[in-house]
Amino acid sequence: MLSSTDFSDFTSNGVQDYHNYFGTPTHDDHVLFELLIVGILQVGLGWQPAASQLPKLRQHMDGLRVEVVAGYVEPDVERLMQTPGVMHNSRKLRAIVTDAQAMIGIQREYGSFSRYLWQFVDATPLIMPAPDDELPTRSPLGARVARDLHRHGFTFVGPVVTHMFLLAAGLIRVN
C-alpha cells in the first residue's frame, strides 16, 4: 500500500499498491504525488502499466520526494530516458518534474497539497452515482479541479486524468 514512508521501497508491486490504495481518502502529500504520477503516466496507456512504474521511479527519482523532484533539470530527464525499466517518455517525465514544482507552490500557498485539494469537497468525499455499475471517467468536479491545477502550473492534468486522480485519492467516491 502506498504510504509516506515508501521513498525507498523499490521492490513493491506498484500495480498492487495502487489497486489497494485506490479510493482510500488520503491527506498525505507524498501519496497524493504518487497517485498524480500514475495519472500522468496512464495517459494513452492504462493504470496498470502506469502504476507498475512506481518502484522504478522511486529508485531513480530520489524516492519521488516532491521537494527533490521539483529541483530536477534537463540532464536529470535525459538520465531517466536512458535508465532501463523507466518509461521513456520525456513529455511525461518532464510533466512529473513540472507538477512537483507546482505542488511545492501550492504547499507554500495552502500549507499542503492535501489542504488545497480537500477544500474542493469541503473536507468530505463527494459521492457520485455510478450509472450501470461503470466507473465514471469524468465529473464536473474533475473539470473544475483540472482548470485550477492548470492555473497553478500543473501539466498533464486534463479533466479525465484529474477525475481519476480524485477517485484514486478518495476525494470522489462512487456508489
N, C-alpha and C. Protein backbone atom coordinates (compact mmCIF):
# COMPACT_ATOMS: atom_id res chain seq x y z
N MET A 1 0.85 -1.17 0.00
CA MET A 1 0.00 0.00 0.00
C MET A 1 0.90 1.24 0.00
N LEU A 2 0.49 2.25 -0.73
CA LEU A 2 1.25 3.50 -0.77
C LEU A 2 1.26 4.13 0.61
N SER A 3 2.39 4.71 0.97
CA SER A 3 2.47 5.42 2.25
C SER A 3 3.53 6.50 2.15
N SER A 4 3.57 7.32 3.16
CA SER A 4 4.55 8.41 3.17
C SER A 4 5.95 7.89 3.47
N THR A 5 6.09 6.60 3.74
CA THR A 5 7.40 6.06 4.06
C THR A 5 7.94 5.16 2.95
N ASP A 6 7.35 5.22 1.75
CA ASP A 6 7.80 4.31 0.71
C ASP A 6 8.87 4.91 -0.20
N PHE A 7 9.56 5.93 0.26
CA PHE A 7 10.60 6.57 -0.55
C PHE A 7 11.63 5.57 -1.07
N SER A 8 11.95 4.58 -0.29
CA SER A 8 12.99 3.64 -0.70
C SER A 8 12.43 2.24 -0.97
N ASP A 9 11.13 2.13 -1.18
CA ASP A 9 10.52 0.84 -1.48
C ASP A 9 10.59 0.61 -2.99
N PHE A 10 11.67 -0.05 -3.40
CA PHE A 10 11.93 -0.25 -4.82
C PHE A 10 11.49 -1.64 -5.29
N THR A 11 11.01 -2.46 -4.37
CA THR A 11 10.68 -3.84 -4.73
C THR A 11 9.19 -4.13 -4.65
N SER A 12 8.41 -3.15 -4.28
CA SER A 12 6.98 -3.40 -4.16
C SER A 12 6.36 -3.62 -5.54
N ASN A 13 5.14 -4.08 -5.54
CA ASN A 13 4.38 -4.23 -6.76
C ASN A 13 3.53 -2.98 -6.90
N GLY A 14 3.94 -2.07 -7.77
CA GLY A 14 3.24 -0.80 -7.93
C GLY A 14 1.78 -0.96 -8.32
N VAL A 15 1.48 -1.97 -9.14
CA VAL A 15 0.10 -2.22 -9.56
C VAL A 15 -0.74 -2.62 -8.34
N GLN A 16 -0.21 -3.53 -7.53
CA GLN A 16 -0.95 -3.96 -6.33
C GLN A 16 -1.08 -2.81 -5.34
N ASP A 17 -0.01 -2.03 -5.16
CA ASP A 17 -0.08 -0.87 -4.26
C ASP A 17 -1.20 0.07 -4.68
N TYR A 18 -1.21 0.42 -5.96
CA TYR A 18 -2.20 1.36 -6.46
C TYR A 18 -3.61 0.79 -6.35
N HIS A 19 -3.76 -0.46 -6.73
CA HIS A 19 -5.07 -1.12 -6.66
C HIS A 19 -5.59 -1.13 -5.21
N ASN A 20 -4.72 -1.46 -4.27
CA ASN A 20 -5.12 -1.50 -2.86
C ASN A 20 -5.46 -0.11 -2.33
N TYR A 21 -4.79 0.89 -2.84
CA TYR A 21 -4.98 2.23 -2.32
C TYR A 21 -6.17 2.94 -2.96
N PHE A 22 -6.48 2.61 -4.20
CA PHE A 22 -7.49 3.32 -4.98
C PHE A 22 -8.77 3.53 -4.18
N GLY A 23 -9.19 4.77 -4.06
CA GLY A 23 -10.42 5.12 -3.37
C GLY A 23 -10.29 5.38 -1.90
N THR A 24 -9.11 5.19 -1.34
CA THR A 24 -8.90 5.44 0.09
C THR A 24 -8.60 6.92 0.29
N PRO A 25 -9.44 7.64 1.06
CA PRO A 25 -9.17 9.06 1.26
C PRO A 25 -7.79 9.27 1.90
N THR A 26 -7.01 10.16 1.30
CA THR A 26 -5.68 10.44 1.84
C THR A 26 -5.47 11.93 1.99
N HIS A 27 -4.69 12.26 3.00
CA HIS A 27 -4.28 13.64 3.25
C HIS A 27 -2.76 13.73 3.25
N ASP A 28 -2.11 12.72 2.72
CA ASP A 28 -0.65 12.62 2.71
C ASP A 28 -0.14 13.13 1.37
N ASP A 29 0.62 14.22 1.39
CA ASP A 29 1.10 14.83 0.14
C ASP A 29 1.98 13.89 -0.68
N HIS A 30 2.76 13.05 -0.02
CA HIS A 30 3.60 12.11 -0.78
C HIS A 30 2.73 11.11 -1.54
N VAL A 31 1.75 10.55 -0.87
CA VAL A 31 0.85 9.60 -1.52
C VAL A 31 0.10 10.30 -2.65
N LEU A 32 -0.36 11.51 -2.41
CA LEU A 32 -1.06 12.26 -3.46
C LEU A 32 -0.14 12.47 -4.68
N PHE A 33 1.13 12.76 -4.43
CA PHE A 33 2.07 12.93 -5.54
C PHE A 33 2.21 11.64 -6.34
N GLU A 34 2.34 10.52 -5.65
CA GLU A 34 2.46 9.25 -6.36
C GLU A 34 1.19 8.93 -7.15
N LEU A 35 0.03 9.19 -6.58
CA LEU A 35 -1.22 8.95 -7.29
C LEU A 35 -1.32 9.86 -8.53
N LEU A 36 -0.86 11.09 -8.39
CA LEU A 36 -0.86 12.02 -9.52
C LEU A 36 0.09 11.52 -10.61
N ILE A 37 1.23 10.99 -10.21
CA ILE A 37 2.18 10.45 -11.18
C ILE A 37 1.55 9.31 -11.98
N VAL A 38 0.82 8.44 -11.32
CA VAL A 38 0.14 7.37 -12.04
C VAL A 38 -0.83 7.98 -13.06
N GLY A 39 -1.53 9.03 -12.66
CA GLY A 39 -2.44 9.70 -13.58
C GLY A 39 -1.71 10.25 -14.79
N ILE A 40 -0.57 10.86 -14.58
CA ILE A 40 0.22 11.41 -15.68
C ILE A 40 0.67 10.29 -16.61
N LEU A 41 1.20 9.22 -16.04
CA LEU A 41 1.75 8.13 -16.84
C LEU A 41 0.69 7.33 -17.58
N GLN A 42 -0.54 7.30 -17.05
CA GLN A 42 -1.55 6.46 -17.67
C GLN A 42 -2.16 7.08 -18.92
N VAL A 43 -1.87 8.34 -19.21
CA VAL A 43 -2.41 8.97 -20.42
C VAL A 43 -1.95 8.14 -21.63
N GLY A 44 -2.92 7.64 -22.38
CA GLY A 44 -2.63 6.84 -23.56
C GLY A 44 -2.26 5.40 -23.27
N LEU A 45 -2.22 5.02 -22.01
CA LEU A 45 -1.86 3.64 -21.65
C LEU A 45 -3.00 3.02 -20.86
N GLY A 46 -2.86 3.04 -19.60
CA GLY A 46 -3.81 2.47 -18.65
C GLY A 46 -3.16 2.53 -17.28
N TRP A 47 -3.96 2.28 -16.27
CA TRP A 47 -3.43 2.45 -14.92
C TRP A 47 -2.42 1.37 -14.56
N GLN A 48 -2.55 0.16 -15.07
CA GLN A 48 -1.62 -0.90 -14.67
C GLN A 48 -0.19 -0.66 -15.15
N PRO A 49 0.04 -0.37 -16.45
CA PRO A 49 1.42 -0.06 -16.84
C PRO A 49 1.96 1.18 -16.13
N ALA A 50 1.06 2.14 -15.88
CA ALA A 50 1.50 3.37 -15.20
C ALA A 50 1.90 3.07 -13.76
N ALA A 51 1.04 2.35 -13.04
CA ALA A 51 1.33 2.05 -11.63
C ALA A 51 2.55 1.14 -11.48
N SER A 52 2.80 0.30 -12.48
CA SER A 52 3.97 -0.58 -12.39
C SER A 52 5.28 0.20 -12.38
N GLN A 53 5.24 1.46 -12.77
CA GLN A 53 6.43 2.30 -12.80
C GLN A 53 6.83 2.84 -11.42
N LEU A 54 5.91 2.82 -10.46
CA LEU A 54 6.20 3.46 -9.17
C LEU A 54 7.50 2.99 -8.52
N PRO A 55 7.75 1.68 -8.37
CA PRO A 55 9.01 1.27 -7.72
C PRO A 55 10.25 1.76 -8.49
N LYS A 56 10.23 1.68 -9.81
CA LYS A 56 11.38 2.14 -10.61
C LYS A 56 11.58 3.64 -10.47
N LEU A 57 10.48 4.39 -10.49
CA LEU A 57 10.60 5.84 -10.36
C LEU A 57 11.11 6.22 -8.96
N ARG A 58 10.64 5.52 -7.94
CA ARG A 58 11.17 5.77 -6.59
C ARG A 58 12.68 5.54 -6.58
N GLN A 59 13.10 4.46 -7.22
CA GLN A 59 14.52 4.10 -7.22
C GLN A 59 15.36 5.13 -7.96
N HIS A 60 14.86 5.64 -9.07
CA HIS A 60 15.68 6.50 -9.93
C HIS A 60 15.31 7.98 -9.85
N MET A 61 14.29 8.32 -9.03
CA MET A 61 13.90 9.71 -8.86
C MET A 61 13.84 10.08 -7.38
N ASP A 62 14.89 9.72 -6.66
CA ASP A 62 15.06 10.13 -5.26
C ASP A 62 13.84 9.85 -4.39
N GLY A 63 13.30 8.63 -4.54
CA GLY A 63 12.17 8.24 -3.70
C GLY A 63 10.88 8.98 -4.01
N LEU A 64 10.86 9.69 -5.13
CA LEU A 64 9.72 10.53 -5.51
C LEU A 64 9.41 11.57 -4.43
N ARG A 65 10.45 12.03 -3.77
CA ARG A 65 10.29 13.13 -2.81
C ARG A 65 10.02 14.40 -3.62
N VAL A 66 8.85 14.96 -3.41
CA VAL A 66 8.41 16.08 -4.24
C VAL A 66 9.40 17.24 -4.22
N GLU A 67 9.98 17.50 -3.06
CA GLU A 67 10.91 18.64 -2.95
C GLU A 67 12.20 18.39 -3.72
N VAL A 68 12.59 17.14 -3.89
CA VAL A 68 13.80 16.82 -4.66
C VAL A 68 13.47 16.80 -6.15
N VAL A 69 12.38 16.13 -6.51
CA VAL A 69 11.98 16.03 -7.91
C VAL A 69 11.73 17.43 -8.49
N ALA A 70 11.21 18.33 -7.69
CA ALA A 70 10.96 19.70 -8.16
C ALA A 70 12.24 20.40 -8.60
N GLY A 71 13.37 19.95 -8.10
CA GLY A 71 14.65 20.55 -8.47
C GLY A 71 15.33 19.90 -9.66
N TYR A 72 14.68 18.90 -10.26
CA TYR A 72 15.28 18.24 -11.42
C TYR A 72 15.40 19.22 -12.58
N VAL A 73 16.45 19.01 -13.37
CA VAL A 73 16.70 19.81 -14.56
C VAL A 73 16.84 18.86 -15.75
N GLU A 74 17.03 19.42 -16.93
CA GLU A 74 17.03 18.62 -18.16
C GLU A 74 18.00 17.43 -18.12
N PRO A 75 19.22 17.57 -17.59
CA PRO A 75 20.09 16.38 -17.53
C PRO A 75 19.49 15.23 -16.71
N ASP A 76 18.67 15.56 -15.71
CA ASP A 76 18.00 14.51 -14.94
C ASP A 76 16.99 13.76 -15.81
N VAL A 77 16.24 14.50 -16.61
CA VAL A 77 15.27 13.87 -17.53
C VAL A 77 16.02 13.02 -18.55
N GLU A 78 17.12 13.54 -19.08
CA GLU A 78 17.92 12.78 -20.05
C GLU A 78 18.46 11.49 -19.42
N ARG A 79 18.89 11.57 -18.16
CA ARG A 79 19.37 10.37 -17.46
C ARG A 79 18.24 9.35 -17.34
N LEU A 80 17.05 9.81 -16.97
CA LEU A 80 15.91 8.91 -16.84
C LEU A 80 15.54 8.27 -18.17
N MET A 81 15.69 9.02 -19.24
CA MET A 81 15.38 8.50 -20.57
C MET A 81 16.33 7.35 -20.96
N GLN A 82 17.48 7.29 -20.33
CA GLN A 82 18.46 6.24 -20.61
C GLN A 82 18.41 5.11 -19.58
N THR A 83 17.56 5.24 -18.58
CA THR A 83 17.51 4.27 -17.49
C THR A 83 16.62 3.09 -17.85
N PRO A 84 17.18 1.88 -17.84
CA PRO A 84 16.37 0.70 -18.14
C PRO A 84 15.22 0.55 -17.14
N GLY A 85 14.06 0.19 -17.65
CA GLY A 85 12.89 -0.04 -16.80
C GLY A 85 12.05 1.18 -16.53
N VAL A 86 12.58 2.37 -16.80
CA VAL A 86 11.82 3.60 -16.62
C VAL A 86 11.13 3.92 -17.93
N MET A 87 9.86 4.30 -17.85
CA MET A 87 9.11 4.68 -19.05
C MET A 87 9.86 5.79 -19.79
N HIS A 88 10.17 5.55 -21.04
CA HIS A 88 10.95 6.51 -21.81
C HIS A 88 10.04 7.44 -22.60
N ASN A 89 9.36 8.30 -21.87
CA ASN A 89 8.51 9.32 -22.46
C ASN A 89 8.92 10.65 -21.83
N SER A 90 9.69 11.42 -22.57
CA SER A 90 10.26 12.64 -21.99
C SER A 90 9.18 13.65 -21.62
N ARG A 91 8.08 13.70 -22.36
CA ARG A 91 7.00 14.64 -22.02
C ARG A 91 6.39 14.30 -20.66
N LYS A 92 6.19 13.02 -20.41
CA LYS A 92 5.61 12.61 -19.13
C LYS A 92 6.60 12.80 -17.99
N LEU A 93 7.87 12.50 -18.24
CA LEU A 93 8.88 12.70 -17.19
C LEU A 93 9.02 14.19 -16.86
N ARG A 94 9.00 15.03 -17.88
CA ARG A 94 9.05 16.48 -17.63
C ARG A 94 7.80 16.95 -16.89
N ALA A 95 6.65 16.35 -17.21
CA ALA A 95 5.41 16.71 -16.52
C ALA A 95 5.50 16.37 -15.03
N ILE A 96 6.13 15.25 -14.70
CA ILE A 96 6.30 14.90 -13.28
C ILE A 96 7.11 15.99 -12.57
N VAL A 97 8.18 16.44 -13.21
CA VAL A 97 9.02 17.50 -12.63
C VAL A 97 8.23 18.80 -12.51
N THR A 98 7.56 19.18 -13.58
CA THR A 98 6.77 20.42 -13.58
C THR A 98 5.70 20.37 -12.51
N ASP A 99 5.03 19.23 -12.40
CA ASP A 99 3.96 19.11 -11.41
C ASP A 99 4.51 19.09 -9.99
N ALA A 100 5.71 18.57 -9.80
CA ALA A 100 6.36 18.65 -8.48
C ALA A 100 6.61 20.11 -8.12
N GLN A 101 7.09 20.88 -9.08
CA GLN A 101 7.32 22.30 -8.85
C GLN A 101 6.01 23.02 -8.51
N ALA A 102 4.96 22.71 -9.26
CA ALA A 102 3.66 23.32 -9.00
C ALA A 102 3.13 22.90 -7.62
N MET A 103 3.37 21.65 -7.25
CA MET A 103 2.92 21.18 -5.94
C MET A 103 3.62 21.94 -4.82
N ILE A 104 4.90 22.20 -4.99
CA ILE A 104 5.64 22.98 -3.98
C ILE A 104 5.00 24.37 -3.84
N GLY A 105 4.64 24.98 -4.96
CA GLY A 105 3.97 26.28 -4.91
C GLY A 105 2.65 26.22 -4.15
N ILE A 106 1.88 25.18 -4.39
CA ILE A 106 0.60 25.02 -3.67
C ILE A 106 0.85 24.76 -2.19
N GLN A 107 1.87 23.96 -1.87
CA GLN A 107 2.18 23.72 -0.46
C GLN A 107 2.53 25.02 0.25
N ARG A 108 3.26 25.88 -0.42
CA ARG A 108 3.61 27.18 0.18
C ARG A 108 2.37 28.05 0.38
N GLU A 109 1.48 28.03 -0.60
CA GLU A 109 0.30 28.88 -0.56
C GLU A 109 -0.78 28.36 0.40
N TYR A 110 -0.98 27.05 0.45
CA TYR A 110 -2.09 26.47 1.22
C TYR A 110 -1.64 25.71 2.45
N GLY A 111 -0.34 25.51 2.63
CA GLY A 111 0.16 24.73 3.76
C GLY A 111 0.40 23.27 3.40
N SER A 112 -0.38 22.73 2.48
CA SER A 112 -0.18 21.37 1.97
C SER A 112 -0.99 21.21 0.69
N PHE A 113 -0.57 20.26 -0.12
CA PHE A 113 -1.33 19.94 -1.33
C PHE A 113 -2.67 19.33 -0.94
N SER A 114 -2.66 18.53 0.11
CA SER A 114 -3.88 17.91 0.61
C SER A 114 -4.91 18.98 0.99
N ARG A 115 -4.51 19.97 1.74
CA ARG A 115 -5.44 21.03 2.16
C ARG A 115 -6.04 21.71 0.94
N TYR A 116 -5.20 21.98 -0.05
CA TYR A 116 -5.68 22.60 -1.29
C TYR A 116 -6.75 21.72 -1.95
N LEU A 117 -6.47 20.42 -2.12
CA LEU A 117 -7.42 19.53 -2.80
C LEU A 117 -8.72 19.36 -2.02
N TRP A 118 -8.61 19.11 -0.73
CA TRP A 118 -9.80 18.79 0.06
C TRP A 118 -10.73 19.99 0.21
N GLN A 119 -10.24 21.20 -0.03
CA GLN A 119 -11.14 22.36 0.02
C GLN A 119 -12.19 22.30 -1.09
N PHE A 120 -11.89 21.60 -2.18
CA PHE A 120 -12.85 21.48 -3.28
C PHE A 120 -14.07 20.66 -2.91
N VAL A 121 -13.96 19.81 -1.88
CA VAL A 121 -15.08 18.97 -1.45
C VAL A 121 -15.45 19.24 0.00
N ASP A 122 -15.07 20.41 0.51
CA ASP A 122 -15.38 20.78 1.89
C ASP A 122 -14.97 19.69 2.88
N ALA A 123 -13.80 19.07 2.62
CA ALA A 123 -13.19 18.08 3.50
C ALA A 123 -13.98 16.78 3.62
N THR A 124 -14.98 16.58 2.74
CA THR A 124 -15.79 15.37 2.77
C THR A 124 -15.85 14.79 1.36
N PRO A 125 -15.52 13.49 1.21
CA PRO A 125 -15.56 12.91 -0.14
C PRO A 125 -16.91 13.14 -0.83
N LEU A 126 -16.85 13.48 -2.09
CA LEU A 126 -18.04 13.67 -2.92
C LEU A 126 -18.51 12.31 -3.38
N ILE A 127 -19.79 12.02 -3.14
CA ILE A 127 -20.36 10.73 -3.55
C ILE A 127 -21.01 10.93 -4.93
N MET A 128 -20.59 10.10 -5.89
CA MET A 128 -21.14 10.15 -7.24
C MET A 128 -21.85 8.84 -7.54
N PRO A 129 -22.99 8.93 -8.22
CA PRO A 129 -23.62 7.68 -8.66
C PRO A 129 -22.82 7.07 -9.80
N ALA A 130 -22.85 5.76 -9.87
CA ALA A 130 -22.16 5.05 -10.96
C ALA A 130 -23.23 4.42 -11.85
N PRO A 131 -23.56 5.09 -12.94
CA PRO A 131 -24.58 4.51 -13.82
C PRO A 131 -24.10 3.19 -14.41
N ASP A 132 -24.99 2.22 -14.40
CA ASP A 132 -24.70 0.91 -14.98
C ASP A 132 -23.47 0.25 -14.36
N ASP A 133 -23.21 0.52 -13.09
CA ASP A 133 -22.07 -0.07 -12.38
C ASP A 133 -20.74 0.15 -13.09
N GLU A 134 -20.64 1.23 -13.81
CA GLU A 134 -19.41 1.55 -14.53
C GLU A 134 -18.75 2.75 -13.87
N LEU A 135 -17.45 2.71 -13.72
CA LEU A 135 -16.72 3.80 -13.10
C LEU A 135 -16.73 5.00 -14.04
N PRO A 136 -17.34 6.12 -13.62
CA PRO A 136 -17.34 7.30 -14.48
C PRO A 136 -15.92 7.83 -14.69
N THR A 137 -15.64 8.32 -15.89
CA THR A 137 -14.29 8.82 -16.20
C THR A 137 -14.22 10.34 -16.19
N ARG A 138 -15.34 10.99 -15.96
CA ARG A 138 -15.36 12.46 -15.91
C ARG A 138 -16.35 12.91 -14.85
N SER A 139 -16.13 14.14 -14.40
CA SER A 139 -17.08 14.75 -13.47
C SER A 139 -16.90 16.27 -13.55
N PRO A 140 -17.94 17.01 -13.21
CA PRO A 140 -17.77 18.46 -13.15
C PRO A 140 -16.67 18.86 -12.16
N LEU A 141 -16.56 18.13 -11.05
CA LEU A 141 -15.50 18.43 -10.08
C LEU A 141 -14.13 18.21 -10.69
N GLY A 142 -13.96 17.10 -11.41
CA GLY A 142 -12.67 16.83 -12.05
C GLY A 142 -12.29 17.93 -13.02
N ALA A 143 -13.27 18.42 -13.79
CA ALA A 143 -13.01 19.50 -14.75
C ALA A 143 -12.63 20.79 -14.02
N ARG A 144 -13.33 21.09 -12.92
CA ARG A 144 -13.05 22.31 -12.16
C ARG A 144 -11.66 22.26 -11.52
N VAL A 145 -11.33 21.13 -10.91
CA VAL A 145 -10.01 20.98 -10.28
C VAL A 145 -8.92 21.01 -11.34
N ALA A 146 -9.16 20.38 -12.49
CA ALA A 146 -8.16 20.40 -13.58
C ALA A 146 -7.86 21.83 -14.01
N ARG A 147 -8.90 22.64 -14.18
CA ARG A 147 -8.68 24.05 -14.56
C ARG A 147 -7.84 24.77 -13.51
N ASP A 148 -8.14 24.51 -12.24
CA ASP A 148 -7.41 25.19 -11.18
C ASP A 148 -5.97 24.68 -11.08
N LEU A 149 -5.77 23.38 -11.29
CA LEU A 149 -4.40 22.86 -11.29
C LEU A 149 -3.60 23.51 -12.43
N HIS A 150 -4.20 23.63 -13.60
CA HIS A 150 -3.52 24.31 -14.72
C HIS A 150 -3.17 25.74 -14.34
N ARG A 151 -4.08 26.40 -13.69
CA ARG A 151 -3.83 27.78 -13.24
C ARG A 151 -2.62 27.86 -12.31
N HIS A 152 -2.38 26.78 -11.57
CA HIS A 152 -1.23 26.73 -10.65
C HIS A 152 0.02 26.16 -11.31
N GLY A 153 -0.03 25.88 -12.61
CA GLY A 153 1.17 25.45 -13.33
C GLY A 153 1.30 23.97 -13.59
N PHE A 154 0.31 23.17 -13.23
CA PHE A 154 0.37 21.72 -13.47
C PHE A 154 0.16 21.43 -14.95
N THR A 155 0.72 20.30 -15.39
CA THR A 155 0.53 19.82 -16.76
C THR A 155 0.04 18.38 -16.71
N PHE A 156 -0.46 17.87 -17.82
CA PHE A 156 -0.98 16.51 -17.94
C PHE A 156 -2.10 16.25 -16.94
N VAL A 157 -2.88 17.27 -16.64
CA VAL A 157 -3.98 17.13 -15.69
C VAL A 157 -5.27 17.62 -16.32
N GLY A 158 -5.69 16.95 -17.40
CA GLY A 158 -6.97 17.27 -18.01
C GLY A 158 -8.10 16.76 -17.15
N PRO A 159 -9.33 16.97 -17.60
CA PRO A 159 -10.50 16.58 -16.79
C PRO A 159 -10.57 15.08 -16.49
N VAL A 160 -10.18 14.22 -17.43
CA VAL A 160 -10.25 12.78 -17.19
C VAL A 160 -9.16 12.36 -16.20
N VAL A 161 -7.92 12.78 -16.45
CA VAL A 161 -6.82 12.44 -15.53
C VAL A 161 -7.13 12.95 -14.13
N THR A 162 -7.61 14.18 -14.03
CA THR A 162 -7.88 14.76 -12.72
C THR A 162 -9.03 14.04 -12.03
N HIS A 163 -10.08 13.71 -12.77
CA HIS A 163 -11.19 12.97 -12.17
C HIS A 163 -10.70 11.63 -11.61
N MET A 164 -9.92 10.91 -12.42
CA MET A 164 -9.42 9.60 -11.96
C MET A 164 -8.47 9.76 -10.76
N PHE A 165 -7.67 10.82 -10.77
CA PHE A 165 -6.80 11.11 -9.63
C PHE A 165 -7.63 11.37 -8.37
N LEU A 166 -8.71 12.14 -8.50
CA LEU A 166 -9.57 12.42 -7.35
C LEU A 166 -10.26 11.15 -6.85
N LEU A 167 -10.63 10.26 -7.77
CA LEU A 167 -11.17 8.96 -7.36
C LEU A 167 -10.11 8.15 -6.62
N ALA A 168 -8.91 8.10 -7.17
CA ALA A 168 -7.82 7.32 -6.55
C ALA A 168 -7.53 7.83 -5.15
N ALA A 169 -7.55 9.16 -4.98
CA ALA A 169 -7.20 9.78 -3.70
C ALA A 169 -8.37 9.81 -2.72
N GLY A 170 -9.53 9.31 -3.15
CA GLY A 170 -10.68 9.24 -2.24
C GLY A 170 -11.46 10.52 -2.08
N LEU A 171 -11.19 11.53 -2.88
CA LEU A 171 -11.97 12.76 -2.80
C LEU A 171 -13.33 12.60 -3.46
N ILE A 172 -13.39 11.70 -4.44
CA ILE A 172 -14.65 11.32 -5.07
C ILE A 172 -14.83 9.83 -4.78
N ARG A 173 -16.05 9.47 -4.38
CA ARG A 173 -16.39 8.07 -4.16
C ARG A 173 -17.60 7.74 -5.02
N VAL A 174 -17.61 6.55 -5.52
CA VAL A 174 -18.70 6.10 -6.38
C VAL A 174 -19.54 5.09 -5.63
N ASN A 175 -20.87 5.27 -5.71
CA ASN A 175 -21.74 4.28 -5.05
C ASN A 175 -22.56 3.54 -6.07
